Amino acid sequence: MEYVYLEAFLDDLENLPKQIRKKAKKALRLFQDNQRHPSLRTKKIKGTKSVFESRVDKSYRFTFEYGEDSVIFRRIGKHDIVDKEASQD
């Protein structure tokens, strides 16, 4: 499986606080090892056709969607990023 990072995702990741960025990278590694790991709490975002969210920590999430043979990471940030994704899909 290929992992694709949108420019917006990379920009978001770079602008996270250092401690959160460290947690995010750990969550992304975990996701790549096991997309269904319970600590990620992965679920489809209500109001979207194909966008999912996974947990970095209590306040931060990352969003993604599945391509044909890939996972496309869309955004990462505070929990309200999920609401923004729902309004854009």
PDB file of N, CA and C in Angstrom:
ATOM      1  N   MET A   1       0.847  -1.178   0.000  1.00  0.00           N
ATOM      2  CA  MET A   1       0.000   0.000   0.000  1.00  0.00           C
ATOM      3  C   MET A   1       0.893   1.243   0.000  1.00  0.00           C
ATOM      4  N   GLU A   2       0.513   2.195  -0.808  1.00  0.00           N
ATOM      5  CA  GLU A   2       1.248   3.457  -0.911  1.00  0.00           C
ATOM      6  C   GLU A   2       0.591   4.490   0.011  1.00  0.00           C
ATOM      7  N   TYR A   3       1.415   5.327   0.624  1.00  0.00           N
ATOM      8  CA  TYR A   3       0.919   6.405   1.482  1.00  0.00           C
ATOM      9  C   TYR A   3       1.243   7.735   0.818  1.00  0.00           C
ATOM     10  N   VAL A   4       0.208   8.514   0.581  1.00  0.00           N
ATOM     11  CA  VAL A   4       0.332   9.798  -0.107  1.00  0.00           C
ATOM     12  C   VAL A   4      -0.018  10.894   0.881  1.00  0.00           C
ATOM     13  N   TYR A   5       0.824  11.918   0.935  1.00  0.00           N
ATOM     14  CA  TYR A   5       0.602  13.046   1.855  1.00  0.00           C
ATOM     15  C   TYR A   5       0.324  14.292   1.027  1.00  0.00           C
ATOM     16  N   LEU A   6      -0.894  14.821   1.157  1.00  0.00           N
ATOM     17  CA  LEU A   6      -1.217  16.068   0.468  1.00  0.00           C
ATOM     18  C   LEU A   6      -0.369  17.199   1.039  1.00  0.00           C
ATOM     19  N   GLU A   7      -0.148  18.196   0.229  1.00  0.00           N
ATOM     20  CA  GLU A   7       0.649  19.359   0.651  1.00  0.00           C
ATOM     21  C   GLU A   7       0.052  19.999   1.908  1.00  0.00           C
ATOM     22  N   ALA A   8      -1.276  20.083   1.961  1.00  0.00           N
ATOM     23  CA  ALA A   8      -1.943  20.663   3.137  1.00  0.00           C
ATOM     24  C   ALA A   8      -1.613  19.856   4.393  1.00  0.00           C
ATOM     25  N   PHE A   9      -1.570  18.531   4.270  1.00  0.00           N
ATOM     26  CA  PHE A   9      -1.235  17.673   5.406  1.00  0.00           C
ATOM     27  C   PHE A   9       0.190  17.959   5.873  1.00  0.00           C
ATOM     28  N   LEU A  10       1.125  18.026   4.936  1.00  0.00           N
ATOM     29  CA  LEU A  10       2.527  18.279   5.291  1.00  0.00           C
ATOM     30  C   LEU A  10       2.701  19.652   5.933  1.00  0.00           C
ATOM     31  N   ASP A  11       1.982  20.648   5.420  1.00  0.00           N
ATOM     32  CA  ASP A  11       2.033  21.986   6.018  1.00  0.00           C
ATOM     33  C   ASP A  11       1.471  21.960   7.434  1.00  0.00           C
ATOM     34  N   ASP A  12       0.329  21.286   7.602  1.00  0.00           N
ATOM     35  CA  ASP A  12      -0.275  21.164   8.935  1.00  0.00           C
ATOM     36  C   ASP A  12       0.697  20.494   9.899  1.00  0.00           C
ATOM     37  N   LEU A  13       1.301  19.402   9.463  1.00  0.00           N
ATOM     38  CA  LEU A  13       2.219  18.639  10.309  1.00  0.00           C
ATOM     39  C   LEU A  13       3.397  19.499  10.743  1.00  0.00           C
ATOM     40  N   GLU A  14       3.943  20.246   9.812  1.00  0.00           N
ATOM     41  CA  GLU A  14       5.092  21.107  10.109  1.00  0.00           C
ATOM     42  C   GLU A  14       4.738  22.197  11.123  1.00  0.00           C
ATOM     43  N   ASN A  15       3.492  22.653  11.115  1.00  0.00           N
ATOM     44  CA  ASN A  15       3.077  23.745  11.992  1.00  0.00           C
ATOM     45  C   ASN A  15       2.527  23.300  13.340  1.00  0.00           C
ATOM     46  N   LEU A  16       2.490  21.995  13.589  1.00  0.00           N
ATOM     47  CA  LEU A  16       2.045  21.514  14.895  1.00  0.00           C
ATOM     48  C   LEU A  16       3.086  21.836  15.961  1.00  0.00           C
ATOM     49  N   PRO A  17       2.648  22.000  17.203  1.00  0.00           N
ATOM     50  CA  PRO A  17       3.615  22.143  18.297  1.00  0.00           C
ATOM     51  C   PRO A  17       4.528  20.907  18.326  1.00  0.00           C
ATOM     52  N   LYS A  18       5.762  21.108  18.713  1.00  0.00           N
ATOM     53  CA  LYS A  18       6.778  20.051  18.661  1.00  0.00           C
ATOM     54  C   LYS A  18       6.305  18.756  19.333  1.00  0.00           C
ATOM     55  N   GLN A  19       5.735  18.856  20.515  1.00  0.00           N
ATOM     56  CA  GLN A  19       5.296  17.664  21.250  1.00  0.00           C
ATOM     57  C   GLN A  19       4.165  16.941  20.517  1.00  0.00           C
ATOM     58  N   ILE A  20       3.259  17.687  19.919  1.00  0.00           N
ATOM     59  CA  ILE A  20       2.150  17.091  19.171  1.00  0.00           C
ATOM     60  C   ILE A  20       2.676  16.463  17.883  1.00  0.00           C
ATOM     61  N   ARG A  21       3.621  17.128  17.232  1.00  0.00           N
ATOM     62  CA  ARG A  21       4.222  16.579  16.013  1.00  0.00           C
ATOM     63  C   ARG A  21       4.855  15.210  16.300  1.00  0.00           C
ATOM     64  N   LYS A  22       5.500  15.093  17.455  1.00  0.00           N
ATOM     65  CA  LYS A  22       6.109  13.821  17.854  1.00  0.00           C
ATOM     66  C   LYS A  22       5.024  12.748  18.025  1.00  0.00           C
ATOM     67  N   LYS A  23       3.920  13.098  18.687  1.00  0.00           N
ATOM     68  CA  LYS A  23       2.804  12.165  18.855  1.00  0.00           C
ATOM     69  C   LYS A  23       2.190  11.803  17.503  1.00  0.00           C
ATOM     70  N   ALA A  24       2.091  12.793  16.623  1.00  0.00           N
ATOM     71  CA  ALA A  24       1.496  12.562  15.304  1.00  0.00           C
ATOM     72  C   ALA A  24       2.323  11.570  14.504  1.00  0.00           C
ATOM     73  N   LYS A  25       3.618  11.725  14.529  1.00  0.00           N
ATOM     74  CA  LYS A  25       4.481  10.801  13.787  1.00  0.00           C
ATOM     75  C   LYS A  25       4.360   9.389  14.345  1.00  0.00           C
ATOM     76  N   LYS A  26       4.223   9.275  15.656  1.00  0.00           N
ATOM     77  CA  LYS A  26       4.033   7.964  16.268  1.00  0.00           C
ATOM     78  C   LYS A  26       2.696   7.360  15.826  1.00  0.00           C
ATOM     79  N   ALA A  27       1.636   8.174  15.817  1.00  0.00           N
ATOM     80  CA  ALA A  27       0.317   7.699  15.396  1.00  0.00           C
ATOM     81  C   ALA A  27       0.338   7.272  13.923  1.00  0.00           C
ATOM     82  N   LEU A  28       1.050   8.000  13.082  1.00  0.00           N
ATOM     83  CA  LEU A  28       1.138   7.649  11.663  1.00  0.00           C
ATOM     84  C   LEU A  28       1.882   6.329  11.464  1.00  0.00           C
ATOM     85  N   ARG A  29       2.940   6.114  12.230  1.00  0.00           N
ATOM     86  CA  ARG A  29       3.650   4.831  12.160  1.00  0.00           C
ATOM     87  C   ARG A  29       2.735   3.695  12.601  1.00  0.00           C
ATOM     88  N   LEU A  30       2.008   3.925  13.671  1.00  0.00           N
ATOM     89  CA  LEU A  30       1.069   2.927  14.171  1.00  0.00           C
ATOM     90  C   LEU A  30       0.001   2.624  13.120  1.00  0.00           C
ATOM     91  N   PHE A  31      -0.504   3.668  12.489  1.00  0.00           N
ATOM     92  CA  PHE A  31      -1.506   3.517  11.430  1.00  0.00           C
ATOM     93  C   PHE A  31      -0.958   2.657  10.300  1.00  0.00           C
ATOM     94  N   GLN A  32       0.282   2.902   9.906  1.00  0.00           N
ATOM     95  CA  GLN A  32       0.877   2.133   8.815  1.00  0.00           C
ATOM     96  C   GLN A  32       1.088   0.674   9.198  1.00  0.00           C
ATOM     97  N   ASP A  33       1.319   0.410  10.467  1.00  0.00           N
ATOM     98  CA  ASP A  33       1.471  -0.971  10.944  1.00  0.00           C
ATOM     99  C   ASP A  33       0.125  -1.669  11.112  1.00  0.00           C
ATOM    100  N   ASN A  34      -0.884  -0.928  11.584  1.00  0.00           N
ATOM    101  CA  ASN A  34      -2.193  -1.522  11.870  1.00  0.00           C
ATOM    102  C   ASN A  34      -3.259  -0.433  11.846  1.00  0.00           C
ATOM    103  N   GLN A  35      -3.910  -0.270  10.721  1.00  0.00           N
ATOM    104  CA  GLN A  35      -4.907   0.795  10.557  1.00  0.00           C
ATOM    105  C   GLN A  35      -6.072   0.670  11.525  1.00  0.00           C
ATOM    106  N   ARG A  36      -6.266  -0.494  12.090  1.00  0.00           N
ATOM    107  CA  ARG A  36      -7.388  -0.721  13.001  1.00  0.00           C
ATOM    108  C   ARG A  36      -6.968  -0.754  14.464  1.00  0.00           C
ATOM    109  N   HIS A  37      -5.798  -0.245  14.755  1.00  0.00           N
ATOM    110  CA  HIS A  37      -5.339  -0.255  16.147  1.00  0.00           C
ATOM    111  C   HIS A  37      -6.337   0.538  16.998  1.00  0.00           C
ATOM    112  N   PRO A  38      -6.757  -0.028  18.137  1.00  0.00           N
ATOM    113  CA  PRO A  38      -7.788   0.621  18.963  1.00  0.00           C
ATOM    114  C   PRO A  38      -7.446   2.039  19.417  1.00  0.00           C
ATOM    115  N   SER A  39      -6.177   2.331  19.655  1.00  0.00           N
ATOM    116  CA  SER A  39      -5.829   3.670  20.146  1.00  0.00           C
ATOM    117  C   SER A  39      -6.037   4.758  19.099  1.00  0.00           C
ATOM    118  N   LEU A  40      -6.104   4.392  17.828  1.00  0.00           N
ATOM    119  CA  LEU A  40      -6.333   5.371  16.767  1.00  0.00           C
ATOM    120  C   LEU A  40      -7.795   5.793  16.666  1.00  0.00           C
ATOM    121  N   ARG A  41      -8.673   4.938  17.140  1.00  0.00           N
ATOM    122  CA  ARG A  41     -10.120   5.211  17.101  1.00  0.00           C
ATOM    123  C   ARG A  41     -10.579   5.694  15.724  1.00  0.00           C
ATOM    124  N   THR A  42     -10.168   4.994  14.704  1.00  0.00           N
ATOM    125  CA  THR A  42     -10.477   5.351  13.324  1.00  0.00           C
ATOM    126  C   THR A  42     -11.967   5.189  13.049  1.00  0.00           C
ATOM    127  N   LYS A  43     -12.526   6.201  12.372  1.00  0.00           N
ATOM    128  CA  LYS A  43     -13.931   6.129  11.979  1.00  0.00           C
ATOM    129  C   LYS A  43     -14.184   7.055  10.800  1.00  0.00           C
ATOM    130  N   LYS A  44     -15.255   6.766  10.079  1.00  0.00           N
ATOM    131  CA  LYS A  44     -15.661   7.607   8.954  1.00  0.00           C
ATOM    132  C   LYS A  44     -16.225   8.908   9.501  1.00  0.00           C
ATOM    133  N   ILE A  45     -15.923   9.999   8.823  1.00  0.00           N
ATOM    134  CA  ILE A  45     -16.438  11.297   9.240  1.00  0.00           C
ATOM    135  C   ILE A  45     -17.867  11.441   8.725  1.00  0.00           C
ATOM    136  N   LYS A  46     -18.794  11.684   9.641  1.00  0.00           N
ATOM    137  CA  LYS A  46     -20.199  11.862   9.266  1.00  0.00           C
ATOM    138  C   LYS A  46     -20.322  13.025   8.294  1.00  0.00           C
ATOM    139  N   GLY A  47     -21.178  12.852   7.320  1.00  0.00           N
ATOM    140  CA  GLY A  47     -21.410  13.907   6.344  1.00  0.00           C
ATOM    141  C   GLY A  47     -20.439  13.873   5.173  1.00  0.00           C
ATOM    142  N   THR A  48     -19.553  12.862   5.122  1.00  0.00           N
ATOM    143  CA  THR A  48     -18.626  12.724   4.001  1.00  0.00           C
ATOM    144  C   THR A  48     -18.893  11.403   3.291  1.00  0.00           C
ATOM    145  N   LYS A  49     -18.442  11.333   2.052  1.00  0.00           N
ATOM    146  CA  LYS A  49     -18.599  10.101   1.288  1.00  0.00           C
ATOM    147  C   LYS A  49     -17.489   9.106   1.601  1.00  0.00           C
ATOM    148  N   SER A  50     -16.264   9.619   1.815  1.00  0.00           N
ATOM    149  CA  SER A  50     -15.147   8.687   1.914  1.00  0.00           C
ATOM    150  C   SER A  50     -13.982   9.184   2.765  1.00  0.00           C
ATOM    151  N   VAL A  51     -14.220  10.125   3.648  1.00  0.00           N
ATOM    152  CA  VAL A  51     -13.137  10.663   4.472  1.00  0.00           C
ATOM    153  C   VAL A  51     -13.226  10.062   5.878  1.00  0.00           C
ATOM    154  N   PHE A  52     -12.070   9.652   6.391  1.00  0.00           N
ATOM    155  CA  PHE A  52     -11.975   9.034   7.702  1.00  0.00           C
ATOM    156  C   PHE A  52     -11.093   9.888   8.606  1.00  0.00           C
ATOM    157  N   GLU A  53     -11.224   9.674   9.903  1.00  0.00           N
ATOM    158  CA  GLU A  53     -10.365  10.348  10.874  1.00  0.00           C
ATOM    159  C   GLU A  53      -9.758   9.312  11.796  1.00  0.00           C
ATOM    160  N   SER A  54      -8.554   9.626  12.275  1.00  0.00           N
ATOM    161  CA  SER A  54      -7.895   8.826  13.305  1.00  0.00           C
ATOM    162  C   SER A  54      -7.334   9.777  14.344  1.00  0.00           C
ATOM    163  N   ARG A  55      -7.152   9.254  15.525  1.00  0.00           N
ATOM    164  CA  ARG A  55      -6.769  10.056  16.675  1.00  0.00           C
ATOM    165  C   ARG A  55      -5.251  10.111  16.857  1.00  0.00           C
ATOM    166  N   VAL A  56      -4.740  11.323  17.082  1.00  0.00           N
ATOM    167  CA  VAL A  56      -3.349  11.512  17.511  1.00  0.00           C
ATOM    168  C   VAL A  56      -3.330  11.517  19.034  1.00  0.00           C
ATOM    169  N   ASP A  57      -4.209  12.333  19.610  1.00  0.00           N
ATOM    170  CA  ASP A  57      -4.429  12.356  21.056  1.00  0.00           C
ATOM    171  C   ASP A  57      -5.833  12.895  21.307  1.00  0.00           C
ATOM    172  N   LYS A  58      -6.120  13.289  22.526  1.00  0.00           N
ATOM    173  CA  LYS A  58      -7.478  13.732  22.864  1.00  0.00           C
ATOM    174  C   LYS A  58      -7.949  14.912  22.017  1.00  0.00           C
ATOM    175  N   SER A  59      -7.035  15.801  21.625  1.00  0.00           N
ATOM    176  CA  SER A  59      -7.420  17.030  20.930  1.00  0.00           C
ATOM    177  C   SER A  59      -7.051  17.073  19.451  1.00  0.00           C
ATOM    178  N   TYR A  60      -6.203  16.171  18.991  1.00  0.00           N
ATOM    179  CA  TYR A  60      -5.696  16.226  17.614  1.00  0.00           C
ATOM    180  C   TYR A  60      -6.092  14.988  16.823  1.00  0.00           C
ATOM    181  N   ARG A  61      -6.395  15.216  15.533  1.00  0.00           N
ATOM    182  CA  ARG A  61      -6.811  14.155  14.619  1.00  0.00           C
ATOM    183  C   ARG A  61      -6.085  14.314  13.286  1.00  0.00           C
ATOM    184  N   PHE A  62      -6.043  13.234  12.528  1.00  0.00           N
ATOM    185  CA  PHE A  62      -5.652  13.347  11.126  1.00  0.00           C
ATOM    186  C   PHE A  62      -6.750  12.730  10.278  1.00  0.00           C
ATOM    187  N   THR A  63      -6.894  13.251   9.076  1.00  0.00           N
ATOM    188  CA  THR A  63      -7.931  12.760   8.173  1.00  0.00           C
ATOM    189  C   THR A  63      -7.273  12.128   6.958  1.00  0.00           C
ATOM    190  N   PHE A  64      -7.990  11.183   6.378  1.00  0.00           N
ATOM    191  CA  PHE A  64      -7.458  10.467   5.221  1.00  0.00           C
ATOM    192  C   PHE A  64      -8.606   9.863   4.434  1.00  0.00           C
ATOM    193  N   GLU A  65      -8.275   9.421   3.236  1.00  0.00           N
ATOM    194  CA  GLU A  65      -9.208   8.671   2.417  1.00  0.00           C
ATOM    195  C   GLU A  65      -8.432   7.585   1.690  1.00  0.00           C
ATOM    196  N   TYR A  66      -9.159   6.591   1.237  1.00  0.00           N
ATOM    197  CA  TYR A  66      -8.539   5.490   0.524  1.00  0.00           C
ATOM    198  C   TYR A  66      -8.575   5.757  -0.968  1.00  0.00           C
ATOM    199  N   GLY A  67      -7.416   5.566  -1.617  1.00  0.00           N
ATOM    200  CA  GLY A  67      -7.343   5.582  -3.067  1.00  0.00           C
ATOM    201  C   GLY A  67      -7.438   4.152  -3.555  1.00  0.00           C
ATOM    202  N   GLU A  68      -7.159   3.936  -4.818  1.00  0.00           N
ATOM    203  CA  GLU A  68      -7.258   2.585  -5.371  1.00  0.00           C
ATOM    204  C   GLU A  68      -6.312   1.617  -4.667  1.00  0.00           C
ATOM    205  N   ASP A  69      -5.059   1.987  -4.555  1.00  0.00           N
ATOM    206  CA  ASP A  69      -4.061   1.175  -3.847  1.00  0.00           C
ATOM    207  C   ASP A  69      -3.270   2.030  -2.869  1.00  0.00           C
ATOM    208  N   SER A  70      -3.933   3.008  -2.289  1.00  0.00           N
ATOM    209  CA  SER A  70      -3.204   3.954  -1.445  1.00  0.00           C
ATOM    210  C   SER A  70      -4.080   4.497  -0.329  1.00  0.00           C
ATOM    211  N   VAL A  71      -3.419   5.141   0.603  1.00  0.00           N
ATOM    212  CA  VAL A  71      -4.076   5.942   1.629  1.00  0.00           C
ATOM    213  C   VAL A  71      -3.598   7.363   1.398  1.00  0.00           C
ATOM    214  N   ILE A  72      -4.530   8.279   1.318  1.00  0.00           N
ATOM    215  CA  ILE A  72      -4.203   9.685   1.067  1.00  0.00           C
ATOM    216  C   ILE A  72      -4.468  10.456   2.349  1.00  0.00           C
ATOM    217  N   PHE A  73      -3.398  10.950   2.960  1.00  0.00           N
ATOM    218  CA  PHE A  73      -3.526  11.745   4.170  1.00  0.00           C
ATOM    219  C   PHE A  73      -3.850  13.174   3.765  1.00  0.00           C
ATOM    220  N   ARG A  74      -4.971  13.688   4.291  1.00  0.00           N
ATOM    221  CA  ARG A  74      -5.512  14.971   3.849  1.00  0.00           C
ATOM    222  C   ARG A  74      -5.127  16.136   4.757  1.00  0.00           C
ATOM    223  N   ARG A  75      -5.455  16.036   6.041  1.00  0.00           N
ATOM    224  CA  ARG A  75      -5.218  17.128   6.994  1.00  0.00           C
ATOM    225  C   ARG A  75      -4.855  16.537   8.348  1.00  0.00           C
ATOM    226  N   ILE A  76      -4.214  17.366   9.178  1.00  0.00           N
ATOM    227  CA  ILE A  76      -3.920  16.985  10.553  1.00  0.00           C
ATOM    228  C   ILE A  76      -3.999  18.240  11.398  1.00  0.00           C
ATOM    229  N   GLY A  77      -4.621  18.123  12.565  1.00  0.00           N
ATOM    230  CA  GLY A  77      -4.741  19.296  13.425  1.00  0.00           C
ATOM    231  C   GLY A  77      -5.702  19.049  14.571  1.00  0.00           C
ATOM    232  N   LYS A  78      -6.098  20.143  15.208  1.00  0.00           N
ATOM    233  CA  LYS A  78      -7.040  20.050  16.328  1.00  0.00           C
ATOM    234  C   LYS A  78      -8.331  19.383  15.860  1.00  0.00           C
ATOM    235  N   HIS A  79      -9.064  18.887  16.808  1.00  0.00           N
ATOM    236  CA  HIS A  79     -10.257  18.090  16.508  1.00  0.00           C
ATOM    237  C   HIS A  79     -11.212  18.788  15.534  1.00  0.00           C
ATOM    238  N   ASP A  80     -11.267  20.114  15.521  1.00  0.00           N
ATOM    239  CA  ASP A  80     -12.181  20.813  14.608  1.00  0.00           C
ATOM    240  C   ASP A  80     -11.819  20.644  13.140  1.00  0.00           C
ATOM    241  N   ILE A  81     -10.653  20.084  12.855  1.00  0.00           N
ATOM    242  CA  ILE A  81     -10.277  19.804  11.468  1.00  0.00           C
ATOM    243  C   ILE A  81     -11.279  18.821  10.847  1.00  0.00           C
ATOM    244  N   VAL A  82     -11.851  17.977  11.688  1.00  0.00           N
ATOM    245  CA  VAL A  82     -12.844  16.995  11.231  1.00  0.00           C
ATOM    246  C   VAL A  82     -14.080  17.716  10.709  1.00  0.00           C
ATOM    247  N   ASP A  83     -14.534  18.758  11.421  1.00  0.00           N
ATOM    248  CA  ASP A  83     -15.697  19.535  10.972  1.00  0.00           C
ATOM    249  C   ASP A  83     -15.421  20.200   9.634  1.00  0.00           C
ATOM    250  N   LYS A  84     -14.210  20.695   9.458  1.00  0.00           N
ATOM    251  CA  LYS A  84     -13.850  21.346   8.198  1.00  0.00           C
ATOM    252  C   LYS A  84     -13.866  20.349   7.054  1.00  0.00           C
ATOM    253  N   GLU A  85     -13.386  19.146   7.315  1.00  0.00           N
ATOM    254  CA  GLU A  85     -13.380  18.116   6.277  1.00  0.00           C
ATOM    255  C   GLU A  85     -14.809  17.749   5.887  1.00  0.00           C
ATOM    256  N   ALA A  86     -15.696  17.656   6.858  1.00  0.00           N
ATOM    257  CA  ALA A  86     -17.088  17.309   6.583  1.00  0.00           C
ATOM    258  C   ALA A  86     -17.749  18.358   5.697  1.00  0.00           C
ATOM    259  N   SER A  87     -17.379  19.608   5.884  1.00  0.00           N
ATOM    260  CA  SER A  87     -17.995  20.678   5.095  1.00  0.00           C
ATOM    261  C   SER A  87     -17.392  20.792   3.697  1.00  0.00           C
ATOM    262  N   GLN A  88     -16.236  20.170   3.473  1.00  0.00           N
ATOM    263  CA  GLN A  88     -15.567  20.269   2.161  1.00  0.00           C
ATOM    264  C   GLN A  88     -15.815  19.077   1.265  1.00  0.00           C
ATOM    265  N   ASP A  89     -16.210  17.951   1.830  1.00  0.00           N
ATOM    266  CA  ASP A  89     -16.354  16.743   1.014  1.00  0.00           C
ATOM    267  C   ASP A  89     -17.656  16.729   0.252  1.00  0.00           C
TER     268      ASP A  89
END
